[in-house]
PDB file of N, CA and C in Angstrom:
ATOM      1  N   MET A   1     -33.493 -24.932  69.413  1.00  0.00           N
ATOM      2  CA  MET A   1     -33.987 -24.534  68.069  1.00  0.00           C
ATOM      3  C   MET A   1     -33.469 -25.545  67.112  1.00  0.00           C
ATOM      4  N   ASN A   2     -34.325 -26.085  66.274  1.00  0.00           N
ATOM      5  CA  ASN A   2     -33.986 -27.050  65.270  1.00  0.00           C
ATOM      6  C   ASN A   2     -33.729 -26.341  63.850  1.00  0.00           C
ATOM      7  N   THR A   3     -32.556 -26.456  63.382  1.00  0.00           N
ATOM      8  CA  THR A   3     -32.238 -25.821  62.065  1.00  0.00           C
ATOM      9  C   THR A   3     -31.862 -26.899  61.058  1.00  0.00           C
ATOM     10  N   THR A   4     -32.273 -26.810  59.850  1.00  0.00           N
ATOM     11  CA  THR A   4     -31.912 -27.822  58.819  1.00  0.00           C
ATOM     12  C   THR A   4     -31.099 -27.129  57.781  1.00  0.00           C
ATOM     13  N   LEU A   5     -29.992 -27.798  57.482  1.00  0.00           N
ATOM     14  CA  LEU A   5     -29.088 -27.285  56.367  1.00  0.00           C
ATOM     15  C   LEU A   5     -29.600 -27.831  55.069  1.00  0.00           C
ATOM     16  N   GLN A   6     -29.627 -26.992  54.118  1.00  0.00           N
ATOM     17  CA  GLN A   6     -29.994 -27.390  52.701  1.00  0.00           C
ATOM     18  C   GLN A   6     -28.813 -27.205  51.821  1.00  0.00           C
ATOM     19  N   LYS A   7     -28.609 -28.200  51.022  1.00  0.00           N
ATOM     20  CA  LYS A   7     -27.468 -28.126  50.032  1.00  0.00           C
ATOM     21  C   LYS A   7     -27.950 -27.269  48.873  1.00  0.00           C
ATOM     22  N   ALA A   8     -27.103 -26.277  48.539  1.00  0.00           N
ATOM     23  CA  ALA A   8     -27.450 -25.331  47.420  1.00  0.00           C
ATOM     24  C   ALA A   8     -27.194 -26.082  46.099  1.00  0.00           C
ATOM     25  N   SER A   9     -28.194 -26.010  45.272  1.00  0.00           N
ATOM     26  CA  SER A   9     -28.108 -26.648  43.973  1.00  0.00           C
ATOM     27  C   SER A   9     -28.114 -25.546  42.937  1.00  0.00           C
ATOM     28  N   LEU A  10     -27.021 -25.488  42.126  1.00  0.00           N
ATOM     29  CA  LEU A  10     -26.988 -24.486  41.079  1.00  0.00           C
ATOM     30  C   LEU A  10     -27.481 -25.072  39.763  1.00  0.00           C
ATOM     31  N   GLN A  11     -28.178 -24.242  39.087  1.00  0.00           N
ATOM     32  CA  GLN A  11     -28.746 -24.548  37.736  1.00  0.00           C
ATOM     33  C   GLN A  11     -27.820 -23.965  36.704  1.00  0.00           C
ATOM     34  N   LEU A  12     -27.999 -24.361  35.416  1.00  0.00           N
ATOM     35  CA  LEU A  12     -27.211 -23.882  34.342  1.00  0.00           C
ATOM     36  C   LEU A  12     -27.148 -22.326  34.310  1.00  0.00           C
ATOM     37  N   ASP A  13     -28.337 -21.735  34.435  1.00  0.00           N
ATOM     38  CA  ASP A  13     -28.338 -20.277  34.356  1.00  0.00           C
ATOM     39  C   ASP A  13     -27.480 -19.649  35.514  1.00  0.00           C
ATOM     40  N   ASP A  14     -27.517 -20.324  36.698  1.00  0.00           N
ATOM     41  CA  ASP A  14     -26.658 -19.786  37.735  1.00  0.00           C
ATOM     42  C   ASP A  14     -25.146 -19.813  37.399  1.00  0.00           C
ATOM     43  N   TYR A  15     -24.774 -20.977  36.800  1.00  0.00           N
ATOM     44  CA  TYR A  15     -23.369 -21.102  36.360  1.00  0.00           C
ATOM     45  C   TYR A  15     -22.947 -20.076  35.385  1.00  0.00           C
ATOM     46  N   LEU A  16     -23.875 -19.873  34.405  1.00  0.00           N
ATOM     47  CA  LEU A  16     -23.641 -18.822  33.337  1.00  0.00           C
ATOM     48  C   LEU A  16     -23.551 -17.459  33.923  1.00  0.00           C
ATOM     49  N   ASP A  17     -24.356 -17.123  34.918  1.00  0.00           N
ATOM     50  CA  ASP A  17     -24.313 -15.856  35.606  1.00  0.00           C
ATOM     51  C   ASP A  17     -22.932 -15.694  36.322  1.00  0.00           C
ATOM     52  N   LEU A  18     -22.497 -16.730  37.022  1.00  0.00           N
ATOM     53  CA  LEU A  18     -21.264 -16.699  37.698  1.00  0.00           C
ATOM     54  C   LEU A  18     -20.104 -16.534  36.650  1.00  0.00           C
ATOM     55  N   LEU A  19     -20.199 -17.254  35.581  1.00  0.00           N
ATOM     56  CA  LEU A  19     -19.174 -17.174  34.507  1.00  0.00           C
ATOM     57  C   LEU A  19     -19.052 -15.703  33.993  1.00  0.00           C
ATOM     58  N   ASN A  20     -20.273 -15.123  33.791  1.00  0.00           N
ATOM     59  CA  ASN A  20     -20.333 -13.751  33.270  1.00  0.00           C
ATOM     60  C   ASN A  20     -19.674 -12.765  34.319  1.00  0.00           C
ATOM     61  N   LEU A  21     -19.948 -13.007  35.547  1.00  0.00           N
ATOM     62  CA  LEU A  21     -19.328 -12.159  36.626  1.00  0.00           C
ATOM     63  C   LEU A  21     -17.792 -12.358  36.569  1.00  0.00           C
ATOM     64  N   ALA A  22     -17.301 -13.594  36.537  1.00  0.00           N
ATOM     65  CA  ALA A  22     -15.903 -13.893  36.549  1.00  0.00           C
ATOM     66  C   ALA A  22     -15.213 -13.210  35.299  1.00  0.00           C
ATOM     67  N   ILE A  23     -15.860 -13.250  34.185  1.00  0.00           N
ATOM     68  CA  ILE A  23     -15.335 -12.579  33.029  1.00  0.00           C
ATOM     69  C   ILE A  23     -15.219 -11.087  33.199  1.00  0.00           C
ATOM     70  N   ASN A  24     -16.311 -10.517  33.773  1.00  0.00           N
ATOM     71  CA  ASN A  24     -16.344  -9.023  33.971  1.00  0.00           C
ATOM     72  C   ASN A  24     -15.273  -8.642  34.977  1.00  0.00           C
ATOM     73  N   LEU A  25     -14.978  -9.456  36.013  1.00  0.00           N
ATOM     74  CA  LEU A  25     -13.993  -9.182  37.031  1.00  0.00           C
ATOM     75  C   LEU A  25     -12.570  -9.481  36.441  1.00  0.00           C
ATOM     76  N   GLY A  26     -12.498 -10.209  35.357  1.00  0.00           N
ATOM     77  CA  GLY A  26     -11.128 -10.548  34.779  1.00  0.00           C
ATOM     78  C   GLY A  26     -10.489 -11.682  35.595  1.00  0.00           C
ATOM     79  N   ASP A  27     -11.241 -12.515  36.290  1.00  0.00           N
ATOM     80  CA  ASP A  27     -10.684 -13.619  37.130  1.00  0.00           C
ATOM     81  C   ASP A  27     -10.653 -14.833  36.276  1.00  0.00           C
ATOM     82  N   THR A  28      -9.487 -15.069  35.640  1.00  0.00           N
ATOM     83  CA  THR A  28      -9.383 -16.196  34.724  1.00  0.00           C
ATOM     84  C   THR A  28      -9.328 -17.541  35.442  1.00  0.00           C
ATOM     85  N   LYS A  29      -8.748 -17.568  36.668  1.00  0.00           N
ATOM     86  CA  LYS A  29      -8.764 -18.835  37.472  1.00  0.00           C
ATOM     87  C   LYS A  29     -10.215 -19.239  37.760  1.00  0.00           C
ATOM     88  N   TRP A  30     -11.047 -18.244  38.163  1.00  0.00           N
ATOM     89  CA  TRP A  30     -12.435 -18.550  38.550  1.00  0.00           C
ATOM     90  C   TRP A  30     -13.169 -19.023  37.258  1.00  0.00           C
ATOM     91  N   GLN A  31     -12.882 -18.326  36.128  1.00  0.00           N
ATOM     92  CA  GLN A  31     -13.577 -18.682  34.853  1.00  0.00           C
ATOM     93  C   GLN A  31     -13.265 -20.135  34.484  1.00  0.00           C
ATOM     94  N   LYS A  32     -12.066 -20.585  34.613  1.00  0.00           N
ATOM     95  CA  LYS A  32     -11.622 -21.985  34.261  1.00  0.00           C
ATOM     96  C   LYS A  32     -12.325 -22.944  35.201  1.00  0.00           C
ATOM     97  N   GLU A  33     -12.382 -22.583  36.477  1.00  0.00           N
ATOM     98  CA  GLU A  33     -13.096 -23.478  37.489  1.00  0.00           C
ATOM     99  C   GLU A  33     -14.500 -23.595  37.140  1.00  0.00           C
ATOM    100  N   ILE A  34     -15.245 -22.545  36.791  1.00  0.00           N
ATOM    101  CA  ILE A  34     -16.608 -22.629  36.399  1.00  0.00           C
ATOM    102  C   ILE A  34     -16.843 -23.411  35.129  1.00  0.00           C
ATOM    103  N   ILE A  35     -15.948 -23.149  34.141  1.00  0.00           N
ATOM    104  CA  ILE A  35     -16.033 -23.951  32.890  1.00  0.00           C
ATOM    105  C   ILE A  35     -15.872 -25.386  33.117  1.00  0.00           C
ATOM    106  N   ARG A  36     -14.898 -25.782  33.940  1.00  0.00           N
ATOM    107  CA  ARG A  36     -14.639 -27.220  34.302  1.00  0.00           C
ATOM    108  C   ARG A  36     -15.930 -27.860  34.985  1.00  0.00           C
ATOM    109  N   LYS A  37     -16.514 -27.124  35.870  1.00  0.00           N
ATOM    110  CA  LYS A  37     -17.697 -27.542  36.536  1.00  0.00           C
ATOM    111  C   LYS A  37     -18.851 -27.686  35.557  1.00  0.00           C
ATOM    112  N   LEU A  38     -19.024 -26.782  34.659  1.00  0.00           N
ATOM    113  CA  LEU A  38     -20.055 -26.842  33.678  1.00  0.00           C
ATOM    114  C   LEU A  38     -19.793 -28.034  32.769  1.00  0.00           C
ATOM    115  N   ALA A  39     -18.609 -28.319  32.295  1.00  0.00           N
ATOM    116  CA  ALA A  39     -18.291 -29.464  31.479  1.00  0.00           C
ATOM    117  C   ALA A  39     -18.552 -30.759  32.212  1.00  0.00           C
ATOM    118  N   TYR A  40     -18.358 -30.784  33.456  1.00  0.00           N
ATOM    119  CA  TYR A  40     -18.605 -32.037  34.237  1.00  0.00           C
ATOM    120  C   TYR A  40     -20.108 -32.170  34.482  1.00  0.00           C
ATOM    121  N   THR A  41     -20.823 -31.124  34.772  1.00  0.00           N
ATOM    122  CA  THR A  41     -22.239 -31.228  35.079  1.00  0.00           C
ATOM    123  C   THR A  41     -23.064 -31.383  33.874  1.00  0.00           C
ATOM    124  N   TYR A  42     -22.695 -30.713  32.775  1.00  0.00           N
ATOM    125  CA  TYR A  42     -23.447 -30.765  31.532  1.00  0.00           C
ATOM    126  C   TYR A  42     -22.506 -31.136  30.374  1.00  0.00           C
ATOM    127  N   PRO A  43     -22.208 -32.484  30.309  1.00  0.00           N
ATOM    128  CA  PRO A  43     -21.271 -33.003  29.289  1.00  0.00           C
ATOM    129  C   PRO A  43     -21.840 -32.762  27.871  1.00  0.00           C
ATOM    130  N   ALA A  44     -20.992 -32.532  26.915  1.00  0.00           N
ATOM    131  CA  ALA A  44     -21.370 -32.355  25.552  1.00  0.00           C
ATOM    132  C   ALA A  44     -21.876 -33.657  24.972  1.00  0.00           C
ATOM    133  N   VAL A  45     -23.002 -33.567  24.212  1.00  0.00           N
ATOM    134  CA  VAL A  45     -23.510 -34.735  23.557  1.00  0.00           C
ATOM    135  C   VAL A  45     -23.377 -34.539  22.107  1.00  0.00           C
ATOM    136  N   PRO A  46     -22.745 -35.486  21.317  1.00  0.00           N
ATOM    137  CA  PRO A  46     -22.539 -35.359  19.933  1.00  0.00           C
ATOM    138  C   PRO A  46     -23.941 -35.278  19.206  1.00  0.00           C
ATOM    139  N   CYS A  47     -23.989 -34.446  18.198  1.00  0.00           N
ATOM    140  CA  CYS A  47     -25.284 -34.324  17.467  1.00  0.00           C
ATOM    141  C   CYS A  47     -25.283 -35.248  16.320  1.00  0.00           C
ATOM    142  N   LYS A  48     -26.370 -35.844  16.029  1.00  0.00           N
ATOM    143  CA  LYS A  48     -26.506 -36.719  14.841  1.00  0.00           C
ATOM    144  C   LYS A  48     -26.870 -35.898  13.661  1.00  0.00           C
ATOM    145  N   GLN A  49     -26.252 -36.159  12.583  1.00  0.00           N
ATOM    146  CA  GLN A  49     -26.559 -35.484  11.275  1.00  0.00           C
ATOM    147  C   GLN A  49     -27.731 -36.152  10.658  1.00  0.00           C
ATOM    148  N   PRO A  50     -28.710 -35.419  10.104  1.00  0.00           N
ATOM    149  CA  PRO A  50     -29.828 -36.042   9.393  1.00  0.00           C
ATOM    150  C   PRO A  50     -29.293 -36.764   8.184  1.00  0.00           C
ATOM    151  N   GLN A  51     -29.985 -37.909   7.916  1.00  0.00           N
ATOM    152  CA  GLN A  51     -29.552 -38.758   6.741  1.00  0.00           C
ATOM    153  C   GLN A  51     -30.293 -38.306   5.479  1.00  0.00           C
TER     154      GLN A  51
END
């Protein structure tokens, strides 16, 4: 039997759902891990002020 492994790809909504779960569980270590992953995956971009 041939099986193919697929890498799971999480989207922003998935990370936010996991963060919400970690908050509800009170797991601060997991919260920090998710926030670090979010910051790495979705870096902040400075906003330009209109002139």
